[in-house]
Amino acid sequence: MQISQILSPQLTFAAVQGGSKKRVLELIGKLIAQHTHLDSDVVYESLIAREKLGSTGFGNGIAIPHCRLEQCTEAVGALLQLDSRIDFDSLDGEPVDLIFVLLVPHEATEQHLQILKMLAEKLDQEELREALRQAPDAQALYRVMVGANGD
């Protein structure tokens, strides 16, 4: 699967005001609801429930909050570049400034794991992380994440 299949320019946001983990997850719910048929409260509650199982703070300033949703019919991604780093209870203890959200259909267990693996591998690349942090706007952020070859 390619990132361009789950991430759209409409769900790519640059210079987002962070504040706190809870506030960002709430904002993510609202942003996703504006561009999909998903309910903002359901997205928020599901992401919070997933965080209670263990932080999705991946390390190196990256978080990949994710969950499976009943009302989700296809994988949906959202990318946020925060204007400042926030505490996300990351595995490495570092604050987070890049967040890739992944929502998948409830029954898509294998797909969920495959996409998470692909995202983790991609976001583990230092050059990519730095390019995402340097992106001046959402359009540039989207282009960096999907890459020139669309992956």
N, C-alpha and C. Protein backbone atom coordinates (compact mmCIF):
# COMPACT_ATOMS: atom_id res chain seq x y z
N MET A 1 0.84 -1.19 0.00
CA MET A 1 0.00 0.00 0.00
C MET A 1 0.88 1.25 0.00
N GLN A 2 0.42 2.26 -0.71
CA GLN A 2 1.16 3.52 -0.76
C GLN A 2 0.51 4.55 0.16
N ILE A 3 1.31 5.45 0.68
CA ILE A 3 0.80 6.48 1.59
C ILE A 3 -0.26 7.33 0.90
N SER A 4 -0.10 7.57 -0.40
CA SER A 4 -1.08 8.39 -1.12
C SER A 4 -2.47 7.73 -1.16
N GLN A 5 -2.55 6.44 -0.84
CA GLN A 5 -3.85 5.75 -0.80
C GLN A 5 -4.59 6.01 0.52
N ILE A 6 -3.87 6.44 1.55
CA ILE A 6 -4.53 6.68 2.83
C ILE A 6 -4.47 8.14 3.28
N LEU A 7 -3.55 8.91 2.72
CA LEU A 7 -3.39 10.31 3.12
C LEU A 7 -3.78 11.22 1.96
N SER A 8 -4.63 12.19 2.25
CA SER A 8 -5.02 13.16 1.22
C SER A 8 -4.48 14.54 1.61
N PRO A 9 -4.36 15.44 0.62
CA PRO A 9 -3.92 16.81 0.96
C PRO A 9 -4.87 17.48 1.97
N GLN A 10 -6.16 17.13 1.93
CA GLN A 10 -7.14 17.74 2.85
C GLN A 10 -6.90 17.32 4.30
N LEU A 11 -6.21 16.20 4.50
CA LEU A 11 -5.94 15.72 5.85
C LEU A 11 -4.46 15.85 6.21
N THR A 12 -3.82 16.86 5.63
CA THR A 12 -2.43 17.19 5.93
C THR A 12 -2.40 18.62 6.46
N PHE A 13 -1.85 18.79 7.65
CA PHE A 13 -1.93 20.09 8.33
C PHE A 13 -0.55 20.51 8.84
N ALA A 14 -0.15 21.74 8.52
CA ALA A 14 1.15 22.26 8.95
C ALA A 14 0.95 23.32 10.03
N ALA A 15 1.97 23.47 10.87
CA ALA A 15 2.00 24.50 11.91
C ALA A 15 0.76 24.47 12.80
N VAL A 16 0.36 23.27 13.20
CA VAL A 16 -0.82 23.10 14.06
C VAL A 16 -0.43 23.42 15.50
N GLN A 17 -1.30 24.18 16.17
CA GLN A 17 -1.04 24.51 17.57
C GLN A 17 -1.26 23.25 18.41
N GLY A 18 -0.23 22.87 19.15
CA GLY A 18 -0.29 21.62 19.92
C GLY A 18 -0.96 21.77 21.26
N GLY A 19 -0.21 22.19 22.26
CA GLY A 19 -0.74 22.34 23.61
C GLY A 19 -0.51 21.08 24.43
N SER A 20 -1.36 20.08 24.23
CA SER A 20 -1.24 18.83 24.98
C SER A 20 -1.67 17.66 24.11
N LYS A 21 -1.33 16.47 24.57
CA LYS A 21 -1.70 15.25 23.85
C LYS A 21 -3.22 15.16 23.70
N LYS A 22 -3.93 15.39 24.80
CA LYS A 22 -5.39 15.30 24.77
C LYS A 22 -5.98 16.33 23.80
N ARG A 23 -5.48 17.55 23.85
CA ARG A 23 -5.99 18.60 22.97
C ARG A 23 -5.74 18.26 21.50
N VAL A 24 -4.56 17.74 21.20
CA VAL A 24 -4.23 17.38 19.82
C VAL A 24 -5.12 16.24 19.34
N LEU A 25 -5.35 15.24 20.17
CA LEU A 25 -6.22 14.12 19.77
C LEU A 25 -7.66 14.60 19.55
N GLU A 26 -8.10 15.55 20.37
CA GLU A 26 -9.43 16.13 20.18
C GLU A 26 -9.50 16.89 18.86
N LEU A 27 -8.46 17.68 18.58
CA LEU A 27 -8.39 18.43 17.33
C LEU A 27 -8.37 17.47 16.13
N ILE A 28 -7.61 16.39 16.23
CA ILE A 28 -7.55 15.40 15.16
C ILE A 28 -8.96 14.88 14.85
N GLY A 29 -9.72 14.57 15.89
CA GLY A 29 -11.10 14.10 15.69
C GLY A 29 -11.91 15.11 14.89
N LYS A 30 -11.79 16.38 15.24
CA LYS A 30 -12.54 17.43 14.54
C LYS A 30 -12.08 17.59 13.09
N LEU A 31 -10.77 17.59 12.87
CA LEU A 31 -10.24 17.76 11.52
C LEU A 31 -10.66 16.59 10.61
N ILE A 32 -10.56 15.38 11.13
CA ILE A 32 -10.95 14.22 10.33
C ILE A 32 -12.45 14.25 10.04
N ALA A 33 -13.25 14.64 11.02
CA ALA A 33 -14.71 14.69 10.82
C ALA A 33 -15.10 15.71 9.74
N GLN A 34 -14.32 16.78 9.60
CA GLN A 34 -14.62 17.80 8.58
C GLN A 34 -14.43 17.28 7.17
N HIS A 35 -13.59 16.26 7.01
CA HIS A 35 -13.23 15.79 5.67
C HIS A 35 -13.64 14.34 5.38
N THR A 36 -14.34 13.71 6.32
CA THR A 36 -14.81 12.33 6.14
C THR A 36 -16.21 12.22 6.73
N HIS A 37 -16.77 11.03 6.66
CA HIS A 37 -18.08 10.77 7.27
C HIS A 37 -17.95 10.34 8.73
N LEU A 38 -16.74 10.33 9.25
CA LEU A 38 -16.51 9.85 10.62
C LEU A 38 -16.89 10.92 11.64
N ASP A 39 -17.36 10.47 12.80
CA ASP A 39 -17.79 11.36 13.88
C ASP A 39 -16.57 11.77 14.73
N SER A 40 -16.45 13.07 14.98
CA SER A 40 -15.27 13.58 15.70
C SER A 40 -15.14 12.98 17.10
N ASP A 41 -16.26 12.85 17.81
CA ASP A 41 -16.21 12.30 19.17
C ASP A 41 -15.80 10.83 19.17
N VAL A 42 -16.29 10.08 18.19
CA VAL A 42 -15.94 8.66 18.09
C VAL A 42 -14.45 8.51 17.80
N VAL A 43 -13.94 9.33 16.88
CA VAL A 43 -12.51 9.29 16.56
C VAL A 43 -11.70 9.62 17.82
N TYR A 44 -12.04 10.71 18.48
CA TYR A 44 -11.32 11.14 19.68
C TYR A 44 -11.36 10.05 20.77
N GLU A 45 -12.55 9.57 21.09
CA GLU A 45 -12.70 8.56 22.14
C GLU A 45 -11.91 7.29 21.82
N SER A 46 -11.92 6.89 20.54
CA SER A 46 -11.21 5.68 20.13
C SER A 46 -9.70 5.87 20.23
N LEU A 47 -9.21 7.06 19.84
CA LEU A 47 -7.77 7.33 19.94
C LEU A 47 -7.33 7.39 21.41
N ILE A 48 -8.15 8.00 22.25
CA ILE A 48 -7.84 8.08 23.69
C ILE A 48 -7.82 6.67 24.29
N ALA A 49 -8.80 5.85 23.93
CA ALA A 49 -8.85 4.48 24.44
C ALA A 49 -7.59 3.72 24.03
N ARG A 50 -7.14 3.93 22.80
CA ARG A 50 -5.93 3.25 22.32
C ARG A 50 -4.71 3.74 23.10
N GLU A 51 -4.63 5.04 23.37
CA GLU A 51 -3.49 5.59 24.12
C GLU A 51 -3.43 5.02 25.53
N LYS A 52 -4.58 4.69 26.11
CA LYS A 52 -4.60 4.13 27.46
C LYS A 52 -3.96 2.75 27.51
N LEU A 53 -3.92 2.07 26.34
CA LEU A 53 -3.27 0.76 26.26
C LEU A 53 -1.75 0.89 26.22
N GLY A 54 -1.29 2.06 25.84
CA GLY A 54 0.15 2.33 25.71
C GLY A 54 0.34 3.45 24.72
N SER A 55 1.31 4.28 24.97
CA SER A 55 1.52 5.44 24.11
C SER A 55 1.86 5.02 22.68
N THR A 56 1.34 5.80 21.73
CA THR A 56 1.69 5.61 20.32
C THR A 56 2.82 6.56 19.94
N GLY A 57 3.46 7.16 20.94
CA GLY A 57 4.66 7.97 20.70
C GLY A 57 5.77 7.01 20.30
N PHE A 58 6.19 7.12 19.07
CA PHE A 58 7.04 6.15 18.39
C PHE A 58 8.52 6.41 18.69
N GLY A 59 8.85 7.66 18.96
CA GLY A 59 10.26 8.03 19.16
C GLY A 59 10.69 9.02 18.10
N ASN A 60 11.80 9.71 18.34
CA ASN A 60 12.33 10.70 17.39
C ASN A 60 11.34 11.81 17.07
N GLY A 61 10.48 12.16 18.03
CA GLY A 61 9.53 13.25 17.81
C GLY A 61 8.31 12.86 16.99
N ILE A 62 8.10 11.55 16.80
CA ILE A 62 6.99 11.05 15.99
C ILE A 62 5.97 10.32 16.85
N ALA A 63 4.68 10.52 16.56
CA ALA A 63 3.62 9.71 17.17
C ALA A 63 2.74 9.19 16.04
N ILE A 64 2.28 7.97 16.20
CA ILE A 64 1.38 7.37 15.21
C ILE A 64 0.13 6.87 15.93
N PRO A 65 -0.73 7.81 16.38
CA PRO A 65 -1.98 7.39 17.02
C PRO A 65 -2.82 6.61 16.00
N HIS A 66 -3.39 5.50 16.43
CA HIS A 66 -4.14 4.67 15.50
C HIS A 66 -5.23 3.90 16.22
N CYS A 67 -6.26 3.53 15.48
CA CYS A 67 -7.32 2.71 16.04
C CYS A 67 -8.17 2.14 14.92
N ARG A 68 -8.96 1.14 15.29
CA ARG A 68 -9.93 0.56 14.35
C ARG A 68 -11.31 1.11 14.74
N LEU A 69 -12.10 1.44 13.73
CA LEU A 69 -13.42 2.04 13.96
C LEU A 69 -14.50 1.29 13.21
N GLU A 70 -15.63 1.09 13.87
CA GLU A 70 -16.78 0.44 13.24
C GLU A 70 -17.25 1.21 12.01
N GLN A 71 -17.35 2.53 12.12
CA GLN A 71 -17.92 3.33 11.03
C GLN A 71 -16.94 3.66 9.91
N CYS A 72 -15.70 3.20 10.06
CA CYS A 72 -14.67 3.44 9.05
C CYS A 72 -14.77 2.36 7.97
N THR A 73 -14.83 2.78 6.70
CA THR A 73 -14.97 1.81 5.60
C THR A 73 -13.67 1.60 4.84
N GLU A 74 -12.70 2.50 5.01
CA GLU A 74 -11.39 2.35 4.37
C GLU A 74 -10.36 3.05 5.24
N ALA A 75 -9.10 2.68 5.07
CA ALA A 75 -8.03 3.28 5.86
C ALA A 75 -7.97 4.79 5.59
N VAL A 76 -7.87 5.56 6.67
CA VAL A 76 -7.79 7.01 6.58
C VAL A 76 -6.57 7.47 7.37
N GLY A 77 -5.76 8.31 6.74
CA GLY A 77 -4.60 8.86 7.42
C GLY A 77 -4.71 10.37 7.54
N ALA A 78 -4.07 10.92 8.54
CA ALA A 78 -3.98 12.38 8.69
C ALA A 78 -2.57 12.67 9.20
N LEU A 79 -1.98 13.74 8.69
CA LEU A 79 -0.62 14.12 9.08
C LEU A 79 -0.64 15.52 9.66
N LEU A 80 -0.08 15.67 10.85
CA LEU A 80 0.01 16.97 11.49
C LEU A 80 1.45 17.29 11.83
N GLN A 81 1.86 18.47 11.45
CA GLN A 81 3.15 19.03 11.84
C GLN A 81 2.78 20.08 12.89
N LEU A 82 3.24 19.88 14.13
CA LEU A 82 2.89 20.81 15.22
C LEU A 82 3.83 22.01 15.23
N ASP A 83 3.31 23.14 15.72
CA ASP A 83 4.13 24.35 15.78
C ASP A 83 5.14 24.29 16.93
N SER A 84 4.91 23.39 17.88
CA SER A 84 5.85 23.18 18.97
C SER A 84 5.71 21.74 19.48
N ARG A 85 6.76 21.27 20.11
CA ARG A 85 6.74 19.88 20.59
C ARG A 85 5.86 19.74 21.82
N ILE A 86 5.18 18.58 21.92
CA ILE A 86 4.34 18.31 23.08
C ILE A 86 4.72 16.95 23.68
N ASP A 87 4.46 16.81 24.98
CA ASP A 87 4.70 15.53 25.63
C ASP A 87 3.66 14.53 25.14
N PHE A 88 4.11 13.36 24.71
CA PHE A 88 3.21 12.33 24.19
C PHE A 88 3.46 10.98 24.85
N ASP A 89 4.19 11.02 25.99
CA ASP A 89 4.54 9.78 26.68
C ASP A 89 5.27 8.81 25.75
N SER A 90 6.12 9.36 24.89
CA SER A 90 6.82 8.55 23.89
C SER A 90 7.75 7.53 24.52
N LEU A 91 8.01 6.48 23.78
CA LEU A 91 8.88 5.40 24.26
C LEU A 91 10.27 5.91 24.62
N ASP A 92 10.76 6.90 23.86
CA ASP A 92 12.10 7.43 24.14
C ASP A 92 12.09 8.65 25.06
N GLY A 93 10.89 9.04 25.54
CA GLY A 93 10.77 10.17 26.45
C GLY A 93 10.83 11.53 25.77
N GLU A 94 11.06 11.55 24.46
CA GLU A 94 11.17 12.80 23.72
C GLU A 94 9.79 13.37 23.37
N PRO A 95 9.64 14.71 23.38
CA PRO A 95 8.37 15.30 22.96
C PRO A 95 8.16 15.10 21.45
N VAL A 96 6.92 15.27 21.03
CA VAL A 96 6.50 14.97 19.65
C VAL A 96 6.12 16.25 18.91
N ASP A 97 6.50 16.32 17.62
CA ASP A 97 6.06 17.44 16.78
C ASP A 97 5.53 16.97 15.42
N LEU A 98 5.59 15.67 15.15
CA LEU A 98 5.02 15.11 13.92
C LEU A 98 4.09 13.96 14.29
N ILE A 99 2.86 14.05 13.83
CA ILE A 99 1.85 13.05 14.17
C ILE A 99 1.20 12.52 12.90
N PHE A 100 1.24 11.21 12.73
CA PHE A 100 0.53 10.57 11.63
C PHE A 100 -0.56 9.71 12.26
N VAL A 101 -1.82 10.06 11.99
CA VAL A 101 -2.96 9.35 12.54
C VAL A 101 -3.42 8.31 11.53
N LEU A 102 -3.74 7.13 12.02
CA LEU A 102 -4.24 6.07 11.15
C LEU A 102 -5.53 5.50 11.72
N LEU A 103 -6.58 5.56 10.91
CA LEU A 103 -7.87 4.96 11.27
C LEU A 103 -8.17 3.89 10.23
N VAL A 104 -8.56 2.72 10.69
CA VAL A 104 -8.87 1.64 9.76
C VAL A 104 -10.21 1.00 10.14
N PRO A 105 -10.83 0.31 9.17
CA PRO A 105 -12.08 -0.40 9.48
C PRO A 105 -11.85 -1.41 10.62
N HIS A 106 -12.87 -1.65 11.40
CA HIS A 106 -12.75 -2.50 12.58
C HIS A 106 -12.23 -3.89 12.24
N GLU A 107 -12.65 -4.44 11.11
CA GLU A 107 -12.26 -5.81 10.76
C GLU A 107 -10.91 -5.89 10.04
N ALA A 108 -10.27 -4.76 9.79
CA ALA A 108 -9.04 -4.74 8.98
C ALA A 108 -7.78 -4.93 9.82
N THR A 109 -7.73 -5.99 10.60
CA THR A 109 -6.61 -6.21 11.51
C THR A 109 -5.28 -6.33 10.77
N GLU A 110 -5.22 -7.19 9.77
CA GLU A 110 -3.97 -7.40 9.04
C GLU A 110 -3.55 -6.14 8.29
N GLN A 111 -4.51 -5.48 7.63
CA GLN A 111 -4.22 -4.24 6.91
C GLN A 111 -3.68 -3.19 7.88
N HIS A 112 -4.28 -3.09 9.04
CA HIS A 112 -3.88 -2.15 10.08
C HIS A 112 -2.40 -2.36 10.41
N LEU A 113 -2.02 -3.61 10.66
CA LEU A 113 -0.64 -3.92 11.03
C LEU A 113 0.33 -3.63 9.88
N GLN A 114 -0.07 -3.94 8.65
CA GLN A 114 0.78 -3.69 7.49
C GLN A 114 1.03 -2.19 7.30
N ILE A 115 -0.04 -1.39 7.43
CA ILE A 115 0.11 0.06 7.25
C ILE A 115 0.97 0.64 8.37
N LEU A 116 0.74 0.20 9.61
CA LEU A 116 1.56 0.69 10.73
C LEU A 116 3.04 0.38 10.50
N LYS A 117 3.33 -0.82 10.03
CA LYS A 117 4.71 -1.22 9.76
C LYS A 117 5.32 -0.31 8.68
N MET A 118 4.56 -0.07 7.62
CA MET A 118 5.05 0.77 6.53
C MET A 118 5.31 2.21 7.03
N LEU A 119 4.37 2.75 7.82
CA LEU A 119 4.53 4.10 8.36
C LEU A 119 5.75 4.18 9.29
N ALA A 120 5.88 3.20 10.16
CA ALA A 120 7.00 3.20 11.11
C ALA A 120 8.33 3.15 10.36
N GLU A 121 8.42 2.32 9.33
CA GLU A 121 9.66 2.23 8.56
C GLU A 121 9.96 3.56 7.85
N LYS A 122 8.93 4.15 7.27
CA LYS A 122 9.12 5.41 6.53
C LYS A 122 9.52 6.53 7.49
N LEU A 123 8.80 6.64 8.61
CA LEU A 123 9.06 7.72 9.56
C LEU A 123 10.32 7.49 10.39
N ASP A 124 10.92 6.33 10.27
CA ASP A 124 12.17 6.04 10.95
C ASP A 124 13.37 6.65 10.19
N GLN A 125 13.11 7.17 9.00
CA GLN A 125 14.17 7.77 8.18
C GLN A 125 14.41 9.21 8.61
N GLU A 126 15.61 9.48 9.10
CA GLU A 126 15.92 10.81 9.63
C GLU A 126 15.75 11.91 8.58
N GLU A 127 16.17 11.65 7.34
CA GLU A 127 16.03 12.66 6.28
C GLU A 127 14.57 13.03 6.06
N LEU A 128 13.70 12.04 6.06
CA LEU A 128 12.27 12.30 5.87
C LEU A 128 11.72 13.13 7.03
N ARG A 129 12.06 12.74 8.25
CA ARG A 129 11.57 13.49 9.42
C ARG A 129 11.99 14.95 9.35
N GLU A 130 13.24 15.19 8.99
CA GLU A 130 13.73 16.57 8.91
C GLU A 130 13.01 17.34 7.79
N ALA A 131 12.79 16.69 6.67
CA ALA A 131 12.07 17.34 5.57
C ALA A 131 10.64 17.67 5.98
N LEU A 132 10.00 16.79 6.73
CA LEU A 132 8.64 17.05 7.22
C LEU A 132 8.65 18.25 8.17
N ARG A 133 9.64 18.32 9.02
CA ARG A 133 9.73 19.44 9.98
C ARG A 133 10.00 20.76 9.28
N GLN A 134 10.71 20.72 8.15
CA GLN A 134 11.06 21.94 7.42
C GLN A 134 9.97 22.39 6.45
N ALA A 135 8.99 21.54 6.19
CA ALA A 135 7.94 21.89 5.21
C ALA A 135 7.24 23.18 5.64
N PRO A 136 7.18 24.18 4.75
CA PRO A 136 6.62 25.48 5.11
C PRO A 136 5.09 25.53 5.15
N ASP A 137 4.43 24.58 4.51
CA ASP A 137 2.97 24.59 4.49
C ASP A 137 2.45 23.18 4.27
N ALA A 138 1.12 23.03 4.32
CA ALA A 138 0.49 21.71 4.22
C ALA A 138 0.77 21.04 2.87
N GLN A 139 0.78 21.83 1.80
CA GLN A 139 1.05 21.25 0.47
C GLN A 139 2.42 20.63 0.43
N ALA A 140 3.42 21.35 0.91
CA ALA A 140 4.79 20.84 0.92
C ALA A 140 4.89 19.62 1.85
N LEU A 141 4.21 19.68 2.97
CA LEU A 141 4.21 18.57 3.93
C LEU A 141 3.66 17.31 3.27
N TYR A 142 2.56 17.46 2.55
CA TYR A 142 1.95 16.33 1.84
C TYR A 142 2.92 15.75 0.81
N ARG A 143 3.51 16.64 0.02
CA ARG A 143 4.44 16.18 -1.03
C ARG A 143 5.62 15.41 -0.45
N VAL A 144 6.15 15.91 0.67
CA VAL A 144 7.28 15.22 1.32
C VAL A 144 6.84 13.84 1.80
N MET A 145 5.66 13.76 2.40
CA MET A 145 5.21 12.49 2.98
C MET A 145 4.90 11.45 1.90
N VAL A 146 4.24 11.84 0.83
CA VAL A 146 3.91 10.84 -0.20
C VAL A 146 5.10 10.61 -1.14
N GLY A 147 6.02 11.57 -1.18
CA GLY A 147 7.20 11.42 -2.02
C GLY A 147 6.88 11.70 -3.46
N ALA A 148 7.88 12.04 -4.20
CA ALA A 148 7.71 12.37 -5.62
C ALA A 148 7.17 11.18 -6.41
N ASN A 149 7.50 9.96 -5.96
CA ASN A 149 7.04 8.78 -6.68
C ASN A 149 5.71 8.25 -6.17
N GLY A 150 5.08 9.00 -5.24
CA GLY A 150 3.73 8.66 -4.80
C GLY A 150 3.65 7.55 -3.77
N ASP A 151 4.77 7.17 -3.16
CA ASP A 151 4.67 6.10 -2.15
C ASP A 151 4.60 6.67 -0.76
